[in-house]
mmCIF file of all heavy atoms, coordinates in Angstrom:
data_MODEL
# 
_entry.id   MODEL 
# 
loop_
_atom_site.group_PDB 
_atom_site.id 
_atom_site.type_symbol 
_atom_site.label_atom_id 
_atom_site.label_alt_id 
_atom_site.label_comp_id 
_atom_site.label_asym_id 
_atom_site.label_entity_id 
_atom_site.label_seq_id 
_atom_site.pdbx_PDB_ins_code 
_atom_site.Cartn_x 
_atom_site.Cartn_y 
_atom_site.Cartn_z 
_atom_site.occupancy 
_atom_site.B_iso_or_equiv 
_atom_site.pdbx_formal_charge 
_atom_site.auth_seq_id 
_atom_site.auth_comp_id 
_atom_site.auth_asym_id 
_atom_site.auth_atom_id 
_atom_site.pdbx_PDB_model_num 
ATOM 1   N N   . HIS A 1 1  ? 129.546 53.529 150.812 1.00 0.00 ? 1  HIS A N   1 
ATOM 2   C CA  . HIS A 1 1  ? 129.065 53.256 149.459 1.00 0.00 ? 1  HIS A CA  1 
ATOM 3   C C   . HIS A 1 1  ? 130.299 53.036 148.583 1.00 0.00 ? 1  HIS A C   1 
ATOM 4   O O   . HIS A 1 1  ? 131.024 53.980 148.262 1.00 0.00 ? 1  HIS A O   1 
ATOM 5   C CB  . HIS A 1 1  ? 128.229 54.421 148.933 1.00 0.00 ? 1  HIS A CB  1 
ATOM 6   C CG  . HIS A 1 1  ? 127.639 54.169 147.589 1.00 0.00 ? 1  HIS A CG  1 
ATOM 7   N ND1 . HIS A 1 1  ? 127.029 55.145 146.859 1.00 0.00 ? 1  HIS A ND1 1 
ATOM 8   C CD2 . HIS A 1 1  ? 127.565 53.043 146.827 1.00 0.00 ? 1  HIS A CD2 1 
ATOM 9   C CE1 . HIS A 1 1  ? 126.615 54.649 145.711 1.00 0.00 ? 1  HIS A CE1 1 
ATOM 10  N NE2 . HIS A 1 1  ? 126.930 53.378 145.671 1.00 0.00 ? 1  HIS A NE2 1 
ATOM 11  N N   . TYR A 1 2  ? 130.536 51.774 148.205 1.00 0.00 ? 2  TYR A N   1 
ATOM 12  C CA  . TYR A 1 2  ? 131.712 51.391 147.427 1.00 0.00 ? 2  TYR A CA  1 
ATOM 13  C C   . TYR A 1 2  ? 131.434 51.499 145.932 1.00 0.00 ? 2  TYR A C   1 
ATOM 14  O O   . TYR A 1 2  ? 130.322 51.262 145.472 1.00 0.00 ? 2  TYR A O   1 
ATOM 15  C CB  . TYR A 1 2  ? 132.113 49.947 147.738 1.00 0.00 ? 2  TYR A CB  1 
ATOM 16  C CG  . TYR A 1 2  ? 132.997 49.796 148.947 1.00 0.00 ? 2  TYR A CG  1 
ATOM 17  C CD1 . TYR A 1 2  ? 132.555 50.139 150.212 1.00 0.00 ? 2  TYR A CD1 1 
ATOM 18  C CD2 . TYR A 1 2  ? 134.278 49.297 148.823 1.00 0.00 ? 2  TYR A CD2 1 
ATOM 19  C CE1 . TYR A 1 2  ? 133.359 49.983 151.330 1.00 0.00 ? 2  TYR A CE1 1 
ATOM 20  C CE2 . TYR A 1 2  ? 135.102 49.137 149.923 1.00 0.00 ? 2  TYR A CE2 1 
ATOM 21  C CZ  . TYR A 1 2  ? 134.638 49.487 151.168 1.00 0.00 ? 2  TYR A CZ  1 
ATOM 22  O OH  . TYR A 1 2  ? 135.446 49.340 152.266 1.00 0.00 ? 2  TYR A OH  1 
ATOM 23  N N   . ARG A 1 3  ? 132.505 51.806 145.188 1.00 0.00 ? 3  ARG A N   1 
ATOM 24  C CA  . ARG A 1 3  ? 132.486 51.781 143.729 1.00 0.00 ? 3  ARG A CA  1 
ATOM 25  C C   . ARG A 1 3  ? 133.738 51.062 143.254 1.00 0.00 ? 3  ARG A C   1 
ATOM 26  O O   . ARG A 1 3  ? 134.727 50.984 143.973 1.00 0.00 ? 3  ARG A O   1 
ATOM 27  C CB  . ARG A 1 3  ? 132.492 53.196 143.139 1.00 0.00 ? 3  ARG A CB  1 
ATOM 28  C CG  . ARG A 1 3  ? 131.143 53.881 143.146 1.00 0.00 ? 3  ARG A CG  1 
ATOM 29  C CD  . ARG A 1 3  ? 130.948 54.551 144.432 1.00 0.00 ? 3  ARG A CD  1 
ATOM 30  N NE  . ARG A 1 3  ? 129.899 55.572 144.383 1.00 0.00 ? 3  ARG A NE  1 
ATOM 31  C CZ  . ARG A 1 3  ? 129.759 56.450 145.329 1.00 0.00 ? 3  ARG A CZ  1 
ATOM 32  N NH1 . ARG A 1 3  ? 130.574 56.490 146.341 1.00 0.00 ? 3  ARG A NH1 1 
ATOM 33  N NH2 . ARG A 1 3  ? 128.777 57.315 145.284 1.00 0.00 ? 3  ARG A NH2 1 
ATOM 34  N N   . GLN A 1 4  ? 133.688 50.567 142.024 1.00 0.00 ? 4  GLN A N   1 
ATOM 35  C CA  . GLN A 1 4  ? 134.817 49.823 141.477 1.00 0.00 ? 4  GLN A CA  1 
ATOM 36  C C   . GLN A 1 4  ? 134.905 50.027 139.984 1.00 0.00 ? 4  GLN A C   1 
ATOM 37  O O   . GLN A 1 4  ? 133.889 50.055 139.282 1.00 0.00 ? 4  GLN A O   1 
ATOM 38  C CB  . GLN A 1 4  ? 134.649 48.334 141.775 1.00 0.00 ? 4  GLN A CB  1 
ATOM 39  C CG  . GLN A 1 4  ? 135.739 47.465 141.190 1.00 0.00 ? 4  GLN A CG  1 
ATOM 40  C CD  . GLN A 1 4  ? 135.553 45.999 141.532 1.00 0.00 ? 4  GLN A CD  1 
ATOM 41  O OE1 . GLN A 1 4  ? 134.706 45.623 142.338 1.00 0.00 ? 4  GLN A OE1 1 
ATOM 42  N NE2 . GLN A 1 4  ? 136.356 45.161 140.903 1.00 0.00 ? 4  GLN A NE2 1 
ATOM 43  N N   . LYS A 1 5  ? 136.130 50.176 139.494 1.00 0.00 ? 5  LYS A N   1 
ATOM 44  C CA  . LYS A 1 5  ? 136.425 50.172 138.063 1.00 0.00 ? 5  LYS A CA  1 
ATOM 45  C C   . LYS A 1 5  ? 137.669 49.313 137.890 1.00 0.00 ? 5  LYS A C   1 
ATOM 46  O O   . LYS A 1 5  ? 138.756 49.695 138.325 1.00 0.00 ? 5  LYS A O   1 
ATOM 47  C CB  . LYS A 1 5  ? 136.659 51.579 137.532 1.00 0.00 ? 5  LYS A CB  1 
ATOM 48  C CG  . LYS A 1 5  ? 136.873 51.611 136.039 1.00 0.00 ? 5  LYS A CG  1 
ATOM 49  C CD  . LYS A 1 5  ? 136.958 53.028 135.526 1.00 0.00 ? 5  LYS A CD  1 
ATOM 50  C CE  . LYS A 1 5  ? 137.075 53.019 134.013 1.00 0.00 ? 5  LYS A CE  1 
ATOM 51  N NZ  . LYS A 1 5  ? 137.135 54.393 133.486 1.00 0.00 ? 5  LYS A NZ  1 
ATOM 52  N N   . ASN A 1 6  ? 137.472 48.123 137.311 1.00 0.00 ? 6  ASN A N   1 
ATOM 53  C CA  . ASN A 1 6  ? 138.539 47.124 137.196 1.00 0.00 ? 6  ASN A CA  1 
ATOM 54  C C   . ASN A 1 6  ? 139.066 46.817 138.595 1.00 0.00 ? 6  ASN A C   1 
ATOM 55  O O   . ASN A 1 6  ? 138.316 46.403 139.444 1.00 0.00 ? 6  ASN A O   1 
ATOM 56  C CB  . ASN A 1 6  ? 139.618 47.578 136.222 1.00 0.00 ? 6  ASN A CB  1 
ATOM 57  C CG  . ASN A 1 6  ? 139.060 47.807 134.825 1.00 0.00 ? 6  ASN A CG  1 
ATOM 58  O OD1 . ASN A 1 6  ? 138.264 47.010 134.348 1.00 0.00 ? 6  ASN A OD1 1 
ATOM 59  N ND2 . ASN A 1 6  ? 139.435 48.906 134.187 1.00 0.00 ? 6  ASN A ND2 1 
ATOM 60  N N   . LYS A 1 7  ? 140.347 47.068 138.864 1.00 0.00 ? 7  LYS A N   1 
ATOM 61  C CA  . LYS A 1 7  ? 140.911 46.775 140.187 1.00 0.00 ? 7  LYS A CA  1 
ATOM 62  C C   . LYS A 1 7  ? 140.949 48.003 141.100 1.00 0.00 ? 7  LYS A C   1 
ATOM 63  O O   . LYS A 1 7  ? 141.436 47.927 142.223 1.00 0.00 ? 7  LYS A O   1 
ATOM 64  C CB  . LYS A 1 7  ? 142.311 46.173 140.044 1.00 0.00 ? 7  LYS A CB  1 
ATOM 65  C CG  . LYS A 1 7  ? 142.266 44.788 139.422 1.00 0.00 ? 7  LYS A CG  1 
ATOM 66  C CD  . LYS A 1 7  ? 143.602 44.108 139.509 1.00 0.00 ? 7  LYS A CD  1 
ATOM 67  C CE  . LYS A 1 7  ? 143.523 42.728 138.925 1.00 0.00 ? 7  LYS A CE  1 
ATOM 68  N NZ  . LYS A 1 7  ? 143.251 41.702 139.900 1.00 0.00 ? 7  LYS A NZ  1 
ATOM 69  N N   . VAL A 1 8  ? 140.433 49.122 140.631 1.00 0.00 ? 8  VAL A N   1 
ATOM 70  C CA  . VAL A 1 8  ? 140.410 50.355 141.431 1.00 0.00 ? 8  VAL A CA  1 
ATOM 71  C C   . VAL A 1 8  ? 139.142 50.382 142.277 1.00 0.00 ? 8  VAL A C   1 
ATOM 72  O O   . VAL A 1 8  ? 138.044 50.122 141.785 1.00 0.00 ? 8  VAL A O   1 
ATOM 73  C CB  . VAL A 1 8  ? 140.484 51.605 140.531 1.00 0.00 ? 8  VAL A CB  1 
ATOM 74  C CG1 . VAL A 1 8  ? 140.375 52.874 141.353 1.00 0.00 ? 8  VAL A CG1 1 
ATOM 75  C CG2 . VAL A 1 8  ? 141.770 51.591 139.714 1.00 0.00 ? 8  VAL A CG2 1 
ATOM 76  N N   . ILE A 1 9  ? 139.305 50.698 143.563 1.00 0.00 ? 9  ILE A N   1 
ATOM 77  C CA  . ILE A 1 9  ? 138.196 50.769 144.522 1.00 0.00 ? 9  ILE A CA  1 
ATOM 78  C C   . ILE A 1 9  ? 138.169 52.162 145.131 1.00 0.00 ? 9  ILE A C   1 
ATOM 79  O O   . ILE A 1 9  ? 139.209 52.724 145.465 1.00 0.00 ? 9  ILE A O   1 
ATOM 80  C CB  . ILE A 1 9  ? 138.417 49.753 145.668 1.00 0.00 ? 9  ILE A CB  1 
ATOM 81  C CG1 . ILE A 1 9  ? 138.355 48.327 145.153 1.00 0.00 ? 9  ILE A CG1 1 
ATOM 82  C CG2 . ILE A 1 9  ? 137.432 49.968 146.807 1.00 0.00 ? 9  ILE A CG2 1 
ATOM 83  C CD1 . ILE A 1 9  ? 136.977 47.841 144.849 1.00 0.00 ? 9  ILE A CD1 1 
ATOM 84  N N   . TRP A 1 10 ? 136.961 52.715 145.282 1.00 0.00 ? 10 TRP A N   1 
ATOM 85  C CA  . TRP A 1 10 ? 136.814 53.952 146.048 1.00 0.00 ? 10 TRP A CA  1 
ATOM 86  C C   . TRP A 1 10 ? 135.447 53.932 146.721 1.00 0.00 ? 10 TRP A C   1 
ATOM 87  O O   . TRP A 1 10 ? 134.554 53.183 146.328 1.00 0.00 ? 10 TRP A O   1 
ATOM 88  C CB  . TRP A 1 10 ? 137.024 55.191 145.182 1.00 0.00 ? 10 TRP A CB  1 
ATOM 89  C CG  . TRP A 1 10 ? 135.971 55.457 144.147 1.00 0.00 ? 10 TRP A CG  1 
ATOM 90  C CD1 . TRP A 1 10 ? 134.922 56.311 144.242 1.00 0.00 ? 10 TRP A CD1 1 
ATOM 91  C CD2 . TRP A 1 10 ? 135.886 54.871 142.839 1.00 0.00 ? 10 TRP A CD2 1 
ATOM 92  N NE1 . TRP A 1 10 ? 134.178 56.291 143.082 1.00 0.00 ? 10 TRP A NE1 1 
ATOM 93  C CE2 . TRP A 1 10 ? 134.748 55.417 142.202 1.00 0.00 ? 10 TRP A CE2 1 
ATOM 94  C CE3 . TRP A 1 10 ? 136.634 53.932 142.148 1.00 0.00 ? 10 TRP A CE3 1 
ATOM 95  C CZ2 . TRP A 1 10 ? 134.363 55.061 140.921 1.00 0.00 ? 10 TRP A CZ2 1 
ATOM 96  C CZ3 . TRP A 1 10 ? 136.245 53.564 140.867 1.00 0.00 ? 10 TRP A CZ3 1 
ATOM 97  C CH2 . TRP A 1 10 ? 135.134 54.137 140.270 1.00 0.00 ? 10 TRP A CH2 1 
ATOM 98  N N   . ALA A 1 11 ? 135.309 54.733 147.761 1.00 0.00 ? 11 ALA A N   1 
ATOM 99  C CA  . ALA A 1 11 ? 134.035 54.769 148.484 1.00 0.00 ? 11 ALA A CA  1 
ATOM 100 C C   . ALA A 1 11 ? 133.883 56.105 149.192 1.00 0.00 ? 11 ALA A C   1 
ATOM 101 O O   . ALA A 1 11 ? 134.872 56.808 149.445 1.00 0.00 ? 11 ALA A O   1 
ATOM 102 C CB  . ALA A 1 11 ? 133.962 53.637 149.503 1.00 0.00 ? 11 ALA A CB  1 
ATOM 103 N N   . THR A 1 12 ? 132.649 56.419 149.504 1.00 0.00 ? 12 THR A N   1 
ATOM 104 C CA  . THR A 1 12 ? 132.335 57.524 150.394 1.00 0.00 ? 12 THR A CA  1 
ATOM 105 C C   . THR A 1 12 ? 131.684 56.917 151.631 1.00 0.00 ? 12 THR A C   1 
ATOM 106 O O   . THR A 1 12 ? 131.100 55.831 151.572 1.00 0.00 ? 12 THR A O   1 
ATOM 107 C CB  . THR A 1 12 ? 131.383 58.543 149.737 1.00 0.00 ? 12 THR A CB  1 
ATOM 108 O OG1 . THR A 1 12 ? 130.221 57.860 149.277 1.00 0.00 ? 12 THR A OG1 1 
ATOM 109 C CG2 . THR A 1 12 ? 132.061 59.235 148.562 1.00 0.00 ? 12 THR A CG2 1 
ATOM 110 N N   . TYR A 1 13 ? 131.807 57.611 152.757 1.00 0.00 ? 13 TYR A N   1 
ATOM 111 C CA  . TYR A 1 13 ? 131.173 57.127 153.972 1.00 0.00 ? 13 TYR A CA  1 
ATOM 112 C C   . TYR A 1 13 ? 130.820 58.291 154.882 1.00 0.00 ? 13 TYR A C   1 
ATOM 113 O O   . TYR A 1 13 ? 131.444 59.341 154.843 1.00 0.00 ? 13 TYR A O   1 
ATOM 114 C CB  . TYR A 1 13 ? 132.030 56.085 154.690 1.00 0.00 ? 13 TYR A CB  1 
ATOM 115 C CG  . TYR A 1 13 ? 133.412 56.500 155.120 1.00 0.00 ? 13 TYR A CG  1 
ATOM 116 C CD1 . TYR A 1 13 ? 133.677 56.834 156.448 1.00 0.00 ? 13 TYR A CD1 1 
ATOM 117 C CD2 . TYR A 1 13 ? 134.476 56.516 154.224 1.00 0.00 ? 13 TYR A CD2 1 
ATOM 118 C CE1 . TYR A 1 13 ? 134.959 57.174 156.861 1.00 0.00 ? 13 TYR A CE1 1 
ATOM 119 C CE2 . TYR A 1 13 ? 135.749 56.850 154.621 1.00 0.00 ? 13 TYR A CE2 1 
ATOM 120 C CZ  . TYR A 1 13 ? 135.989 57.183 155.944 1.00 0.00 ? 13 TYR A CZ  1 
ATOM 121 O OH  . TYR A 1 13 ? 137.257 57.530 156.352 1.00 0.00 ? 13 TYR A OH  1 
ATOM 122 N N   . GLU A 1 14 ? 129.770 58.084 155.676 1.00 0.00 ? 14 GLU A N   1 
ATOM 123 C CA  . GLU A 1 14 ? 129.323 59.110 156.616 1.00 0.00 ? 14 GLU A CA  1 
ATOM 124 C C   . GLU A 1 14 ? 128.385 58.485 157.628 1.00 0.00 ? 14 GLU A C   1 
ATOM 125 O O   . GLU A 1 14 ? 127.870 57.396 157.420 1.00 0.00 ? 14 GLU A O   1 
ATOM 126 C CB  . GLU A 1 14 ? 128.625 60.246 155.871 1.00 0.00 ? 14 GLU A CB  1 
ATOM 127 C CG  . GLU A 1 14 ? 127.423 59.832 155.058 1.00 0.00 ? 14 GLU A CG  1 
ATOM 128 C CD  . GLU A 1 14 ? 126.900 60.981 154.212 1.00 0.00 ? 14 GLU A CD  1 
ATOM 129 O OE1 . GLU A 1 14 ? 126.512 62.020 154.771 1.00 0.00 ? 14 GLU A OE1 1 
ATOM 130 O OE2 . GLU A 1 14 ? 126.885 60.816 152.976 1.00 0.00 ? 14 GLU A OE2 1 
ATOM 131 N N   . GLY A 1 15 ? 128.202 59.183 158.723 1.00 0.00 ? 15 GLY A N   1 
ATOM 132 C CA  . GLY A 1 15 ? 127.290 58.734 159.765 1.00 0.00 ? 15 GLY A CA  1 
ATOM 133 C C   . GLY A 1 15 ? 127.975 58.622 161.105 1.00 0.00 ? 15 GLY A C   1 
ATOM 134 O O   . GLY A 1 15 ? 129.186 58.435 161.190 1.00 0.00 ? 15 GLY A O   1 
ATOM 135 N N   . GLY A 1 16 ? 127.189 58.760 162.168 1.00 0.00 ? 16 GLY A N   1 
ATOM 136 C CA  . GLY A 1 16 ? 127.772 58.775 163.505 1.00 0.00 ? 16 GLY A CA  1 
ATOM 137 C C   . GLY A 1 16 ? 128.605 60.029 163.664 1.00 0.00 ? 16 GLY A C   1 
ATOM 138 O O   . GLY A 1 16 ? 128.161 61.129 163.318 1.00 0.00 ? 16 GLY A O   1 
ATOM 139 N N   . ASP A 1 17 ? 129.827 59.894 164.166 1.00 0.00 ? 17 ASP A N   1 
ATOM 140 C CA  . ASP A 1 17 ? 130.704 61.054 164.356 1.00 0.00 ? 17 ASP A CA  1 
ATOM 141 C C   . ASP A 1 17 ? 131.382 61.485 163.058 1.00 0.00 ? 17 ASP A C   1 
ATOM 142 O O   . ASP A 1 17 ? 132.074 62.486 163.015 1.00 0.00 ? 17 ASP A O   1 
ATOM 143 C CB  . ASP A 1 17 ? 131.773 60.753 165.421 1.00 0.00 ? 17 ASP A CB  1 
ATOM 144 C CG  . ASP A 1 17 ? 132.541 62.001 165.820 1.00 0.00 ? 17 ASP A CG  1 
ATOM 145 O OD1 . ASP A 1 17 ? 131.901 63.045 166.079 1.00 0.00 ? 17 ASP A OD1 1 
ATOM 146 O OD2 . ASP A 1 17 ? 133.793 61.949 165.846 1.00 0.00 ? 17 ASP A OD2 1 
ATOM 147 N N   . ILE A 1 18 ? 131.191 60.739 161.981 1.00 0.00 ? 18 ILE A N   1 
ATOM 148 C CA  . ILE A 1 18 ? 131.859 61.054 160.715 1.00 0.00 ? 18 ILE A CA  1 
ATOM 149 C C   . ILE A 1 18 ? 130.930 61.890 159.846 1.00 0.00 ? 18 ILE A C   1 
ATOM 150 O O   . ILE A 1 18 ? 129.872 61.427 159.411 1.00 0.00 ? 18 ILE A O   1 
ATOM 151 C CB  . ILE A 1 18 ? 132.300 59.772 159.993 1.00 0.00 ? 18 ILE A CB  1 
ATOM 152 C CG1 . ILE A 1 18 ? 133.309 59.030 160.870 1.00 0.00 ? 18 ILE A CG1 1 
ATOM 153 C CG2 . ILE A 1 18 ? 132.884 60.096 158.629 1.00 0.00 ? 18 ILE A CG2 1 
ATOM 154 C CD1 . ILE A 1 18 ? 133.675 57.664 160.393 1.00 0.00 ? 18 ILE A CD1 1 
ATOM 155 N N   . LEU A 1 19 ? 131.365 63.129 159.596 1.00 0.00 ? 19 LEU A N   1 
ATOM 156 C CA  . LEU A 1 19 ? 130.597 64.032 158.746 1.00 0.00 ? 19 LEU A CA  1 
ATOM 157 C C   . LEU A 1 19 ? 130.655 63.575 157.294 1.00 0.00 ? 19 LEU A C   1 
ATOM 158 O O   . LEU A 1 19 ? 129.637 63.458 156.629 1.00 0.00 ? 19 LEU A O   1 
ATOM 159 C CB  . LEU A 1 19 ? 131.141 65.459 158.886 1.00 0.00 ? 19 LEU A CB  1 
ATOM 160 C CG  . LEU A 1 19 ? 130.419 66.544 158.126 1.00 0.00 ? 19 LEU A CG  1 
ATOM 161 C CD1 . LEU A 1 19 ? 128.983 66.679 158.622 1.00 0.00 ? 19 LEU A CD1 1 
ATOM 162 C CD2 . LEU A 1 19 ? 131.151 67.868 158.308 1.00 0.00 ? 19 LEU A CD2 1 
ATOM 163 N N   . PHE A 1 20 ? 131.866 63.288 156.803 1.00 0.00 ? 20 PHE A N   1 
ATOM 164 C CA  . PHE A 1 20 ? 132.045 62.796 155.437 1.00 0.00 ? 20 PHE A CA  1 
ATOM 165 C C   . PHE A 1 20 ? 133.449 62.229 155.296 1.00 0.00 ? 20 PHE A C   1 
ATOM 166 O O   . PHE A 1 20 ? 134.414 62.801 155.791 1.00 0.00 ? 20 PHE A O   1 
ATOM 167 C CB  . PHE A 1 20 ? 131.852 63.908 154.409 1.00 0.00 ? 20 PHE A CB  1 
ATOM 168 C CG  . PHE A 1 20 ? 131.901 63.404 152.989 1.00 0.00 ? 20 PHE A CG  1 
ATOM 169 C CD1 . PHE A 1 20 ? 130.817 62.731 152.436 1.00 0.00 ? 20 PHE A CD1 1 
ATOM 170 C CD2 . PHE A 1 20 ? 133.035 63.564 152.224 1.00 0.00 ? 20 PHE A CD2 1 
ATOM 171 C CE1 . PHE A 1 20 ? 130.864 62.239 151.141 1.00 0.00 ? 20 PHE A CE1 1 
ATOM 172 C CE2 . PHE A 1 20 ? 133.096 63.080 150.918 1.00 0.00 ? 20 PHE A CE2 1 
ATOM 173 C CZ  . PHE A 1 20 ? 132.003 62.422 150.381 1.00 0.00 ? 20 PHE A CZ  1 
ATOM 174 N N   . GLY A 1 21 ? 133.555 61.080 154.590 1.00 0.00 ? 21 GLY A N   1 
ATOM 175 C CA  . GLY A 1 21 ? 134.847 60.464 154.370 1.00 0.00 ? 21 GLY A CA  1 
ATOM 176 C C   . GLY A 1 21 ? 134.953 59.834 152.998 1.00 0.00 ? 21 GLY A C   1 
ATOM 177 O O   . GLY A 1 21 ? 133.942 59.583 152.331 1.00 0.00 ? 21 GLY A O   1 
ATOM 178 N N   . THR A 1 22 ? 136.190 59.603 152.577 1.00 0.00 ? 22 THR A N   1 
ATOM 179 C CA  . THR A 1 22 ? 136.464 58.922 151.317 1.00 0.00 ? 22 THR A CA  1 
ATOM 180 C C   . THR A 1 22 ? 137.561 57.886 151.537 1.00 0.00 ? 22 THR A C   1 
ATOM 181 O O   . THR A 1 22 ? 138.399 58.027 152.433 1.00 0.00 ? 22 THR A O   1 
ATOM 182 C CB  . THR A 1 22 ? 136.929 59.890 150.212 1.00 0.00 ? 22 THR A CB  1 
ATOM 183 O OG1 . THR A 1 22 ? 138.137 60.530 150.621 1.00 0.00 ? 22 THR A OG1 1 
ATOM 184 C CG2 . THR A 1 22 ? 135.871 60.940 149.916 1.00 0.00 ? 22 THR A CG2 1 
ATOM 185 N N   . LEU A 1 23 ? 137.537 56.864 150.713 1.00 0.00 ? 23 LEU A N   1 
ATOM 186 C CA  . LEU A 1 23 ? 138.649 55.924 150.668 1.00 0.00 ? 23 LEU A CA  1 
ATOM 187 C C   . LEU A 1 23 ? 138.956 55.638 149.210 1.00 0.00 ? 23 LEU A C   1 
ATOM 188 O O   . LEU A 1 23 ? 138.071 55.730 148.358 1.00 0.00 ? 23 LEU A O   1 
ATOM 189 C CB  . LEU A 1 23 ? 138.355 54.652 151.462 1.00 0.00 ? 23 LEU A CB  1 
ATOM 190 C CG  . LEU A 1 23 ? 137.229 53.721 151.046 1.00 0.00 ? 23 LEU A CG  1 
ATOM 191 C CD1 . LEU A 1 23 ? 137.672 52.748 149.975 1.00 0.00 ? 23 LEU A CD1 1 
ATOM 192 C CD2 . LEU A 1 23 ? 136.731 52.965 152.250 1.00 0.00 ? 23 LEU A CD2 1 
ATOM 193 N N   . SER A 1 24 ? 140.215 55.343 148.936 1.00 0.00 ? 24 SER A N   1 
ATOM 194 C CA  . SER A 1 24 ? 140.645 55.081 147.574 1.00 0.00 ? 24 SER A CA  1 
ATOM 195 C C   . SER A 1 24 ? 141.761 54.057 147.603 1.00 0.00 ? 24 SER A C   1 
ATOM 196 O O   . SER A 1 24 ? 142.665 54.146 148.443 1.00 0.00 ? 24 SER A O   1 
ATOM 197 C CB  . SER A 1 24 ? 141.133 56.371 146.921 1.00 0.00 ? 24 SER A CB  1 
ATOM 198 O OG  . SER A 1 24 ? 141.550 56.132 145.595 1.00 0.00 ? 24 SER A OG  1 
# 
């Protein structure tokens, strides 16, 4: 699930073997 503010990007992700993750 991606989010954006101007040129900044972040997301959360989960499923399969991944309990919870973030990207920034």
